[in-house]
Amino acid sequence: MRTLFSFAITALLIACTGNKAAEGPAWAELSHGSRITGRINGLPGPKLLLYELYGDRVTLIDSVMTGSDGSFEFLFPSGRHNGLYRLAMGVSTIPGDHEGHRQRFDLIWDGSAVVFETHYAAPVDSMTIFLSEENDLYYRYLRRMRRYESKISALNSALIEYPADDGFYRRLERQHRRVQNRRVNYVDNLINKNQGTIVASLARFRKLPRTGSPRDGQQTAELKSNFFHEGQFADSLLLHTDLIPRSIIRYLSLYTNPSLSDDDQQEELILAADVIMQHAMENEAIYYFVLEYLINGFNSMEMDLVAEHLTGRYLLGNVCFEEGRLLDQAGAVTADELEEGDVVPSFSFTALDGREISLEEIEADYTLVLFWGTWCHFCDDVMDELYETYSEYRISNPGYFEVVAIGIEENEDEWLAGIERGGYDWINYTSLEMWDCPVASGYDLVGTPTMLLLDSNKRFITEPVRVRALNRILSRGLR
């Protein structure tokens, strides 16, 4: 890296850029174009790493060695996205030494040069921006928000500590409201005065609502309802930051409760995930990023109920659809959007074995209405596993679990061959009318396989996407 000493000072920088910057350092070159120039005081090691952010993905794009005074320069290749970039400091150059990356900070890249100085021990608080209006505004915003959050956190602790009937408690409540109002007003003013800037986009996304007291769950309930706002996920720029995953994690934390069982905790997280996905629909690229992030995250935590819910409800491609029929925006395969406890549409038919079947007359603690097709390759992944479950309960708990398999078929020979091949001796029926099957029409079916689990009163419980999710519910019913 070439030496960065004896370059033009701030007067020349300001004259060329019009930037309202602090007085510039003697080591900073007149920067123009694609470069970040800086000095970091107090570095324990000379190596710096520059990373590009894309949600939770952090990609190394360059590294440099600093000068003896901590000065350095990164040259940006053309075509880099605008967004946040991360500098990791204090990285050792000794092979096998992993004590580095002990401190880091982010800078905004908008295609314009950046010149700054900071200190390793406190990079945000000691940051001075000499060139880059975006970063100057960004660090003033970060420091102001840090002060607000520190005050609100302290007031939350005090509100929990003091009795609600104490006179000082009411004073704390008023102060709590005032600080929150100042925070909201500051963010709104920053956004309004800096329209079109990256900082305004980041501040808009991070904006939090006013809330009441943290006592008795009031604050958590208000955050659950108002954490996200309209338009929050609309800007694709957010993908080139880490704000989306950080926000998701914070929101999911509102639904965690260590006193819940594993299944009950997953049901709570499903509620949270649905809220997140509804807001993510504002931008297609963000939608698919958020969906992948959530599914991968819950799979890694072995939270199968949540991952399978997300896969079935929002990730198209694991269901065979009727050509030309539209799905609702969430990708659900039942347009009626049944809620738990709803009475499902009734039906009756003559089954394959000759029995006259009426849904209401089926005697079972749990009844699964299954729509499937011998032509549907996705059904192959479900049928054998489902039959294992059916056979197990038929032997161990007669009358506990019944399956009504509705074939979406037009060829009787193929339907019969599919049943014989799998040995499926549950209740079987088809009208040989494909999607115009009267039972399917009653449920506005558009895809196979579709499973609807009903209780003993034939009220809707859930739409399990995978047999594993169904098994969890059935085993829980035996406790």
Protein backbone atom coordinates (compact mmCIF):
# COMPACT_ATOMS: atom_id res chain seq x y z
CA MET A 1 0.00 0.00 0.00
CA ARG A 2 1.38 3.39 -0.92
CA THR A 3 2.08 6.00 1.76
CA LEU A 4 -0.79 8.37 2.56
CA PHE A 5 1.13 11.20 4.19
CA SER A 6 1.60 14.81 2.99
CA PHE A 7 -1.69 15.10 1.15
CA ALA A 8 -4.19 17.94 0.85
CA ILE A 9 -6.04 19.01 3.99
CA THR A 10 -9.66 19.75 4.66
CA ALA A 11 -9.87 23.15 3.01
CA LEU A 12 -9.16 21.56 -0.32
CA LEU A 13 -11.55 18.68 0.39
CA ILE A 14 -14.36 21.07 1.22
CA ALA A 15 -13.63 23.28 -1.74
CA CYS A 16 -13.87 20.32 -4.11
CA THR A 17 -16.89 18.58 -2.56
CA GLY A 18 -18.90 21.14 -0.65
CA ASN A 19 -19.00 18.69 2.24
CA LYS A 20 -19.76 20.00 5.70
CA ALA A 21 -16.96 18.05 7.33
CA ALA A 22 -14.71 18.35 10.31
CA GLU A 23 -11.20 19.78 9.91
CA GLY A 24 -9.27 17.27 7.85
CA PRO A 25 -6.11 15.35 8.63
CA ALA A 26 -2.77 15.92 6.97
CA TRP A 27 -2.52 12.21 6.06
CA ALA A 28 -5.74 12.16 3.99
CA GLU A 29 -5.40 12.29 0.25
CA LEU A 30 -7.78 14.36 -1.82
CA SER A 31 -10.17 11.46 -2.29
CA HIS A 32 -12.48 11.23 -5.22
CA GLY A 33 -14.22 8.22 -6.64
CA SER A 34 -14.06 4.72 -5.30
CA ARG A 35 -12.02 4.72 -2.12
CA ILE A 36 -12.24 4.71 1.65
CA THR A 37 -9.38 6.47 3.39
CA GLY A 38 -8.99 6.52 7.13
CA ARG A 39 -6.91 6.31 10.26
CA ILE A 40 -7.65 4.15 13.28
CA ASN A 41 -5.78 5.06 16.43
CA GLY A 42 -4.84 2.49 19.06
CA LEU A 43 -4.85 -0.52 16.74
CA PRO A 44 -3.47 -3.71 18.34
CA GLY A 45 -2.68 -5.17 14.92
CA PRO A 46 -1.97 -3.66 11.52
CA LYS A 47 -4.35 -5.70 9.38
CA LEU A 48 -7.82 -4.48 8.35
CA LEU A 49 -10.50 -6.52 6.58
CA LEU A 50 -13.31 -5.04 4.51
CA TYR A 51 -16.57 -6.98 4.23
CA GLU A 52 -19.67 -6.59 2.10
CA LEU A 53 -22.98 -7.18 3.88
CA TYR A 54 -26.01 -8.90 2.42
CA GLY A 55 -28.43 -9.62 5.22
CA ASP A 56 -26.76 -12.20 7.44
CA ARG A 57 -24.09 -12.97 4.83
CA VAL A 58 -20.72 -11.29 5.35
CA THR A 59 -18.31 -11.55 2.40
CA LEU A 60 -14.64 -10.56 2.55
CA ILE A 61 -13.81 -8.29 -0.40
CA ASP A 62 -10.42 -6.78 0.53
CA SER A 63 -7.71 -6.48 3.16
CA VAL A 64 -4.94 -3.92 3.80
CA MET A 65 -2.07 -3.29 6.18
CA THR A 66 -2.14 0.04 7.98
CA GLY A 67 0.74 2.46 8.22
CA SER A 68 2.61 2.95 11.48
CA ASP A 69 0.08 5.60 12.50
CA GLY A 70 -2.96 3.46 11.64
CA SER A 71 -3.67 5.09 8.29
CA PHE A 72 -4.92 3.06 5.31
CA GLU A 73 -6.85 3.13 2.08
CA PHE A 74 -9.31 0.74 0.41
CA LEU A 75 -9.92 1.06 -3.31
CA PHE A 76 -13.45 0.03 -4.28
CA PRO A 77 -13.91 -1.86 -7.54
CA SER A 78 -16.67 -0.52 -9.75
CA GLY A 79 -20.10 -2.11 -9.50
CA ARG A 80 -20.25 -2.44 -5.73
CA HIS A 81 -23.75 -1.97 -4.34
CA ASN A 82 -24.64 1.00 -2.19
CA GLY A 83 -25.17 -0.07 1.39
CA LEU A 84 -23.29 -0.87 4.58
CA TYR A 85 -19.73 -2.23 4.53
CA ARG A 86 -17.92 -3.56 7.60
CA LEU A 87 -14.34 -3.00 8.71
CA ALA A 88 -12.81 -5.56 11.09
CA MET A 89 -9.88 -4.18 13.08
CA GLY A 90 -7.03 -5.51 15.14
CA VAL A 91 -6.54 -8.61 13.04
CA SER A 92 -3.32 -10.46 13.81
CA THR A 93 -0.91 -11.33 10.99
CA ILE A 94 0.50 -14.34 12.87
CA PRO A 95 -0.59 -17.62 11.19
CA GLY A 96 -3.05 -19.52 13.32
CA ASP A 97 -3.74 -16.54 15.59
CA HIS A 98 -7.52 -16.14 15.79
CA GLU A 99 -7.57 -13.38 18.39
CA GLY A 100 -8.36 -10.80 15.71
CA HIS A 101 -11.70 -9.34 14.65
CA ARG A 102 -12.02 -7.99 18.17
CA GLN A 103 -13.59 -4.74 17.04
CA ARG A 104 -15.57 -3.66 14.02
CA PHE A 105 -17.72 -0.88 12.64
CA ASP A 106 -19.78 -0.14 9.55
CA LEU A 107 -19.57 2.59 6.93
CA ILE A 108 -22.06 3.62 4.29
CA TRP A 109 -20.90 3.31 0.70
CA ASP A 110 -22.84 5.42 -1.81
CA GLY A 111 -20.23 5.57 -4.59
CA SER A 112 -18.54 8.65 -3.12
CA ALA A 113 -15.20 8.81 -1.33
CA VAL A 114 -15.06 8.45 2.45
CA VAL A 115 -12.39 9.95 4.74
CA PHE A 116 -12.56 9.40 8.49
CA GLU A 117 -10.62 8.93 11.72
CA THR A 118 -11.58 6.92 14.77
CA HIS A 119 -10.18 4.94 17.71
CA TYR A 120 -10.04 1.18 18.03
CA ALA A 121 -11.46 1.13 21.58
CA ALA A 122 -14.65 3.08 20.71
CA PRO A 123 -15.06 3.34 16.94
CA VAL A 124 -18.59 4.78 16.98
CA ASP A 125 -18.17 7.32 19.76
CA SER A 126 -14.78 8.53 18.52
CA MET A 127 -15.69 8.57 14.82
CA THR A 128 -14.90 11.79 12.95
CA ILE A 129 -16.00 11.99 9.30
CA PHE A 130 -13.94 14.37 7.16
CA LEU A 131 -15.49 13.46 3.82
CA SER A 132 -18.91 11.85 3.20
CA GLU A 133 -22.13 13.57 4.16
CA GLU A 134 -23.90 10.21 4.35
CA ASN A 135 -21.49 8.85 6.96
CA ASP A 136 -21.36 12.11 8.89
CA LEU A 137 -25.16 12.01 9.18
CA TYR A 138 -25.11 8.26 9.88
CA TYR A 139 -22.75 8.49 12.84
CA ARG A 140 -24.57 11.45 14.32
CA TYR A 141 -27.74 9.35 14.03
CA LEU A 142 -26.10 6.28 15.64
CA ARG A 143 -24.81 8.27 18.60
CA ARG A 144 -28.14 10.01 19.15
CA MET A 145 -30.07 6.74 18.97
CA ARG A 146 -27.63 5.12 21.39
CA ARG A 147 -28.35 7.86 23.93
CA TYR A 148 -32.10 7.46 23.53
CA GLU A 149 -31.93 3.68 23.87
CA SER A 150 -29.74 3.94 26.96
CA LYS A 151 -32.22 6.29 28.66
CA ILE A 152 -35.24 4.18 27.69
CA SER A 153 -33.55 1.01 28.95
CA ALA A 154 -32.78 2.64 32.30
CA LEU A 155 -36.36 3.91 32.60
CA ASN A 156 -37.75 0.48 31.74
CA SER A 157 -35.71 -1.05 34.56
CA ALA A 158 -36.90 1.59 37.00
CA LEU A 159 -40.55 1.15 35.99
CA ILE A 160 -40.28 -2.56 36.72
CA GLU A 161 -38.53 -1.93 40.04
CA TYR A 162 -40.84 0.71 41.56
CA PRO A 163 -44.38 -0.10 42.82
CA ALA A 164 -47.09 1.20 40.49
CA ASP A 165 -48.79 3.07 43.35
CA ASP A 166 -45.60 4.98 44.19
CA GLY A 167 -45.69 8.68 43.29
CA PHE A 168 -42.21 8.39 41.77
CA TYR A 169 -43.53 5.69 39.43
CA ARG A 170 -45.84 8.21 37.76
CA ARG A 171 -42.92 10.59 37.29
CA LEU A 172 -40.97 7.78 35.65
CA GLU A 173 -43.89 7.05 33.32
CA ARG A 174 -44.01 10.68 32.20
CA GLN A 175 -40.27 10.72 31.59
CA HIS A 176 -40.55 7.42 29.70
CA ARG A 177 -43.15 8.95 27.37
CA ARG A 178 -41.09 12.13 26.89
CA VAL A 179 -37.92 10.28 25.89
CA GLN A 180 -39.84 8.09 23.47
CA ASN A 181 -41.54 11.12 21.94
CA ARG A 182 -38.16 12.79 21.47
CA ARG A 183 -36.79 9.68 19.81
CA VAL A 184 -39.74 9.41 17.41
CA ASN A 185 -39.64 13.13 16.61
CA TYR A 186 -35.89 13.03 15.98
CA VAL A 187 -36.20 10.08 13.57
CA ASP A 188 -39.17 11.64 11.75
CA ASN A 189 -37.29 14.94 11.31
CA LEU A 190 -34.15 13.16 10.11
CA ILE A 191 -36.15 11.23 7.51
CA ASN A 192 -38.09 14.27 6.32
CA LYS A 193 -35.01 16.48 6.00
CA ASN A 194 -32.87 13.87 4.27
CA GLN A 195 -35.21 12.27 1.76
CA GLY A 196 -33.41 10.10 -0.78
CA THR A 197 -30.40 9.38 1.42
CA ILE A 198 -29.28 5.98 2.58
CA VAL A 199 -29.41 7.16 6.19
CA ALA A 200 -33.09 8.06 5.81
CA SER A 201 -33.82 4.55 4.48
CA LEU A 202 -31.98 2.92 7.38
CA ALA A 203 -33.64 5.16 9.96
CA ARG A 204 -37.07 4.51 8.47
CA PHE A 205 -36.54 0.77 8.73
CA ARG A 206 -35.21 0.91 12.30
CA LYS A 207 -37.96 3.22 13.58
CA LEU A 208 -39.70 1.81 16.65
CA PRO A 209 -43.15 2.74 17.97
CA ARG A 210 -43.94 4.43 21.26
CA THR A 211 -44.85 1.92 23.96
CA GLY A 212 -46.24 1.97 27.45
CA SER A 213 -44.85 0.52 30.65
CA PRO A 214 -42.85 -2.73 30.52
CA ARG A 215 -44.88 -3.93 33.52
CA ASP A 216 -47.32 -6.83 33.07
CA GLY A 217 -46.40 -7.45 29.44
CA GLN A 218 -47.96 -4.22 28.17
CA GLN A 219 -44.86 -3.10 26.30
CA THR A 220 -44.29 -6.50 24.72
CA ALA A 221 -47.90 -6.67 23.51
CA GLU A 222 -47.63 -3.20 21.94
CA LEU A 223 -44.36 -4.07 20.24
CA LYS A 224 -45.85 -7.27 18.84
CA SER A 225 -48.65 -5.24 17.25
CA ASN A 226 -46.67 -2.21 16.06
CA PHE A 227 -43.05 -3.32 15.61
CA PHE A 228 -43.34 -3.26 11.82
CA HIS A 229 -45.00 -0.54 9.78
CA GLU A 230 -46.26 -0.08 6.25
CA GLY A 231 -43.51 0.35 3.69
CA GLN A 232 -40.78 -0.83 6.04
CA PHE A 233 -39.59 -3.63 3.73
CA ALA A 234 -40.11 -1.79 0.43
CA ASP A 235 -36.52 -0.64 -0.21
CA SER A 236 -34.19 -3.24 -1.77
CA LEU A 237 -31.22 -1.29 -0.40
CA LEU A 238 -31.94 -2.96 2.95
CA LEU A 239 -30.63 -6.23 1.56
CA HIS A 240 -27.17 -4.67 1.45
CA THR A 241 -27.18 -4.16 5.22
CA ASP A 242 -27.65 -6.49 8.18
CA LEU A 243 -30.74 -4.65 9.42
CA ILE A 244 -33.34 -7.16 8.22
CA PRO A 245 -31.98 -10.21 10.12
CA ARG A 246 -31.29 -8.09 13.21
CA SER A 247 -34.85 -6.79 13.15
CA ILE A 248 -36.26 -10.29 12.65
CA ILE A 249 -34.32 -11.66 15.61
CA ARG A 250 -35.49 -8.82 17.81
CA TYR A 251 -39.11 -9.37 16.81
CA LEU A 252 -38.94 -13.14 17.33
CA SER A 253 -37.54 -12.53 20.82
CA LEU A 254 -40.87 -10.92 21.77
CA TYR A 255 -42.50 -14.34 21.35
CA THR A 256 -40.00 -16.46 23.27
CA ASN A 257 -41.08 -17.82 26.62
CA PRO A 258 -38.90 -20.35 28.50
CA SER A 259 -41.93 -21.65 30.40
CA LEU A 260 -43.58 -22.99 27.23
CA SER A 261 -43.19 -26.52 25.95
CA ASP A 262 -41.27 -26.99 22.72
CA ASP A 263 -44.40 -27.41 20.62
CA ASP A 264 -46.19 -24.46 22.25
CA GLN A 265 -43.12 -22.27 21.78
CA GLN A 266 -43.04 -23.19 18.10
CA GLU A 267 -46.72 -22.29 17.76
CA GLU A 268 -45.93 -18.85 19.18
CA LEU A 269 -43.03 -18.41 16.75
CA ILE A 270 -45.32 -19.36 13.87
CA LEU A 271 -47.48 -16.36 14.78
CA ALA A 272 -44.40 -14.13 14.72
CA ALA A 273 -43.16 -15.57 11.43
CA ASP A 274 -46.52 -14.92 9.78
CA VAL A 275 -46.39 -11.26 10.80
CA ILE A 276 -42.87 -10.93 9.39
CA MET A 277 -43.78 -12.58 6.10
CA GLN A 278 -46.84 -10.42 5.58
CA HIS A 279 -44.69 -7.28 5.80
CA ALA A 280 -41.90 -8.78 3.68
CA MET A 281 -44.35 -9.11 0.78
CA GLU A 282 -43.80 -5.41 0.02
CA ASN A 283 -40.68 -6.31 -1.98
CA GLU A 284 -40.19 -9.56 -3.92
CA ALA A 285 -36.41 -9.79 -3.43
CA ILE A 286 -36.74 -9.08 0.30
CA TYR A 287 -39.63 -11.56 0.54
CA TYR A 288 -37.54 -14.46 -0.73
CA PHE A 289 -34.51 -13.44 1.34
CA VAL A 290 -36.61 -13.29 4.53
CA LEU A 291 -38.29 -16.61 3.72
CA GLU A 292 -34.97 -18.39 3.17
CA TYR A 293 -33.47 -16.76 6.27
CA LEU A 294 -36.37 -17.90 8.47
CA ILE A 295 -36.59 -21.44 7.08
CA ASN A 296 -32.85 -22.02 7.36
CA GLY A 297 -32.78 -20.54 10.84
CA PHE A 298 -35.62 -22.64 12.21
CA ASN A 299 -34.27 -25.77 10.52
CA SER A 300 -30.89 -25.20 12.18
CA MET A 301 -32.67 -24.92 15.55
CA GLU A 302 -34.61 -28.13 14.80
CA MET A 303 -37.90 -26.25 15.05
CA ASP A 304 -39.64 -28.40 12.46
CA LEU A 305 -43.15 -27.09 13.06
CA VAL A 306 -42.14 -23.51 12.22
CA ALA A 307 -39.94 -24.45 9.27
CA GLU A 308 -42.62 -26.69 7.79
CA HIS A 309 -45.29 -24.04 8.27
CA LEU A 310 -43.17 -21.50 6.41
CA THR A 311 -42.33 -23.96 3.66
CA GLY A 312 -45.94 -24.93 3.07
CA ARG A 313 -47.52 -21.52 3.40
CA TYR A 314 -45.00 -19.28 1.67
CA LEU A 315 -42.56 -21.34 -0.40
CA LEU A 316 -44.17 -22.38 -3.65
CA GLY A 317 -42.89 -25.46 -5.43
CA ASN A 318 -43.67 -28.28 -2.98
CA VAL A 319 -47.25 -28.66 -4.19
CA CYS A 320 -48.76 -29.70 -7.55
CA PHE A 321 -51.14 -26.96 -8.67
CA GLU A 322 -54.06 -26.88 -11.05
CA GLU A 323 -52.91 -25.11 -14.19
CA GLY A 324 -54.35 -21.61 -14.49
CA ARG A 325 -55.75 -21.40 -10.97
CA LEU A 326 -54.48 -18.48 -8.91
CA LEU A 327 -53.06 -18.83 -5.42
CA ASP A 328 -53.65 -16.33 -2.70
CA GLN A 329 -50.71 -14.09 -1.92
CA ALA A 330 -49.45 -16.27 0.90
CA GLY A 331 -49.31 -19.38 -1.26
CA ALA A 332 -51.91 -21.29 0.77
CA VAL A 333 -53.66 -24.17 -0.98
CA THR A 334 -57.05 -23.56 0.63
CA ALA A 335 -58.62 -20.26 -0.34
CA ASP A 336 -61.21 -20.44 2.46
CA GLU A 337 -58.45 -19.62 4.99
CA LEU A 338 -59.92 -21.83 7.70
CA GLU A 339 -59.17 -20.79 11.26
CA GLU A 340 -58.73 -23.18 14.16
CA GLY A 341 -62.15 -24.18 15.48
CA ASP A 342 -64.02 -23.55 12.22
CA VAL A 343 -66.50 -26.20 11.08
CA VAL A 344 -65.26 -27.49 7.72
CA PRO A 345 -67.50 -28.04 4.65
CA SER A 346 -69.40 -31.30 4.89
CA PHE A 347 -69.33 -34.05 2.27
CA SER A 348 -70.63 -37.57 1.67
CA PHE A 349 -69.82 -40.25 -0.91
CA THR A 350 -69.61 -43.96 -1.60
CA ALA A 351 -66.11 -45.08 -0.77
CA LEU A 352 -64.01 -47.53 -2.76
CA ASP A 353 -64.92 -50.36 -0.38
CA GLY A 354 -68.66 -49.66 -0.86
CA ARG A 355 -69.30 -47.92 2.44
CA GLU A 356 -71.50 -44.82 2.50
CA ILE A 357 -69.33 -42.17 4.12
CA SER A 358 -70.45 -38.89 5.67
CA LEU A 359 -67.80 -36.68 7.26
CA GLU A 360 -69.89 -35.99 10.36
CA GLU A 361 -70.42 -39.70 11.02
CA ILE A 362 -66.74 -40.65 11.03
CA GLU A 363 -65.93 -41.68 14.59
CA ALA A 364 -62.36 -40.70 15.40
CA ASP A 365 -60.58 -38.36 17.77
CA TYR A 366 -58.67 -36.97 14.77
CA THR A 367 -59.64 -37.13 11.10
CA LEU A 368 -57.27 -36.19 8.31
CA VAL A 369 -58.83 -35.13 4.99
CA LEU A 370 -56.15 -35.78 2.38
CA PHE A 371 -56.28 -34.54 -1.21
CA TRP A 372 -53.77 -36.38 -3.41
CA GLY A 373 -53.13 -37.64 -6.92
CA THR A 374 -51.27 -40.63 -8.34
CA TRP A 375 -49.82 -38.23 -10.95
CA CYS A 376 -48.46 -35.83 -8.29
CA HIS A 377 -44.80 -36.58 -7.55
CA PHE A 378 -44.91 -34.45 -4.40
CA CYS A 379 -47.61 -36.78 -3.05
CA ASP A 380 -45.15 -39.68 -3.27
CA ASP A 381 -43.09 -38.04 -0.52
CA VAL A 382 -46.11 -37.91 1.79
CA MET A 383 -48.21 -41.02 1.21
CA ASP A 384 -45.95 -43.80 2.48
CA GLU A 385 -44.91 -41.86 5.56
CA LEU A 386 -48.53 -41.00 6.29
CA TYR A 387 -49.58 -44.62 5.92
CA GLU A 388 -47.00 -45.64 8.52
CA THR A 389 -48.59 -43.22 10.97
CA TYR A 390 -52.09 -44.43 10.10
CA SER A 391 -51.14 -48.09 10.56
CA GLU A 392 -49.43 -47.40 13.86
CA TYR A 393 -52.46 -45.71 15.43
CA ARG A 394 -54.93 -48.22 13.94
CA ILE A 395 -53.12 -50.98 15.84
CA SER A 396 -52.20 -49.15 19.05
CA ASN A 397 -55.22 -46.83 19.42
CA PRO A 398 -58.24 -47.93 17.34
CA GLY A 399 -60.64 -45.05 16.71
CA TYR A 400 -58.01 -42.43 17.45
CA PHE A 401 -56.96 -41.44 13.92
CA GLU A 402 -58.74 -41.80 10.56
CA VAL A 403 -57.71 -40.79 7.04
CA VAL A 404 -60.11 -39.80 4.26
CA ALA A 405 -58.11 -39.81 1.00
CA ILE A 406 -59.75 -37.90 -1.84
CA GLY A 407 -58.16 -38.74 -5.17
CA ILE A 408 -57.84 -35.91 -7.67
CA GLU A 409 -57.95 -38.26 -10.62
CA GLU A 410 -59.37 -38.83 -14.10
CA ASN A 411 -58.12 -42.38 -14.75
CA GLU A 412 -59.65 -45.04 -12.50
CA ASP A 413 -57.09 -47.72 -13.37
CA GLU A 414 -54.18 -45.49 -12.36
CA TRP A 415 -55.96 -44.52 -9.14
CA LEU A 416 -56.63 -48.16 -8.20
CA ALA A 417 -53.07 -49.13 -9.07
CA GLY A 418 -51.69 -46.34 -6.86
CA ILE A 419 -53.84 -47.48 -3.93
CA GLU A 420 -52.84 -51.11 -4.39
CA ARG A 421 -49.18 -50.23 -4.75
CA GLY A 422 -49.15 -48.41 -1.42
CA GLY A 423 -51.61 -50.72 0.35
CA TYR A 424 -53.67 -47.68 1.36
CA ASP A 425 -56.67 -49.30 3.08
CA TRP A 426 -58.01 -46.14 4.67
CA ILE A 427 -61.17 -44.43 3.33
CA ASN A 428 -60.63 -43.86 -0.41
CA TYR A 429 -62.76 -41.89 -2.87
CA THR A 430 -62.50 -40.20 -6.24
CA SER A 431 -65.11 -38.76 -8.60
CA LEU A 432 -62.70 -39.05 -11.58
CA GLU A 433 -63.34 -35.35 -12.29
CA MET A 434 -59.89 -34.05 -11.35
CA TRP A 435 -60.19 -30.54 -9.87
CA ASP A 436 -63.97 -30.53 -10.38
CA CYS A 437 -64.32 -33.25 -7.75
CA PRO A 438 -67.27 -32.09 -5.59
CA VAL A 439 -65.36 -32.63 -2.35
CA ALA A 440 -62.36 -30.65 -3.65
CA SER A 441 -64.62 -27.88 -4.94
CA GLY A 442 -66.14 -27.51 -1.51
CA TYR A 443 -62.70 -26.67 -0.15
CA ASP A 444 -61.68 -24.54 -3.15
CA LEU A 445 -58.70 -26.83 -3.56
CA VAL A 446 -55.89 -25.76 -5.88
CA GLY A 447 -53.01 -28.07 -4.96
CA THR A 448 -51.93 -31.53 -3.89
CA PRO A 449 -50.99 -32.86 -1.46
CA THR A 450 -53.22 -30.95 0.93
CA MET A 451 -53.87 -32.27 4.45
CA LEU A 452 -56.57 -30.85 6.72
CA LEU A 453 -56.59 -32.14 10.30
CA LEU A 454 -59.96 -32.12 12.09
CA ASP A 455 -60.94 -32.82 15.68
CA SER A 456 -63.64 -35.24 16.85
CA ASN A 457 -66.33 -32.61 16.11
CA LYS A 458 -64.95 -32.13 12.60
CA ARG A 459 -63.66 -28.69 13.41
CA PHE A 460 -60.48 -27.49 11.74
CA ILE A 461 -57.25 -27.82 13.72
CA THR A 462 -54.46 -27.13 11.25
CA GLU A 463 -53.09 -27.80 7.76
CA PRO A 464 -49.93 -29.84 8.39
CA VAL A 465 -47.41 -29.49 5.60
CA ARG A 466 -45.33 -32.50 6.57
CA VAL A 467 -46.21 -35.78 8.27
CA ARG A 468 -43.72 -34.99 11.03
CA ALA A 469 -45.80 -31.97 11.99
CA LEU A 470 -48.94 -34.15 12.00
CA ASN A 471 -47.21 -36.73 14.20
CA ARG A 472 -46.34 -34.10 16.77
CA ILE A 473 -49.99 -33.12 17.12
CA LEU A 474 -51.23 -36.70 17.28
CA SER A 475 -48.68 -37.69 19.93
CA ARG A 476 -49.51 -34.59 21.96
CA GLY A 477 -53.19 -35.62 21.94
CA LEU A 478 -52.33 -38.83 23.77
CA ARG A 479 -50.69 -37.12 26.73
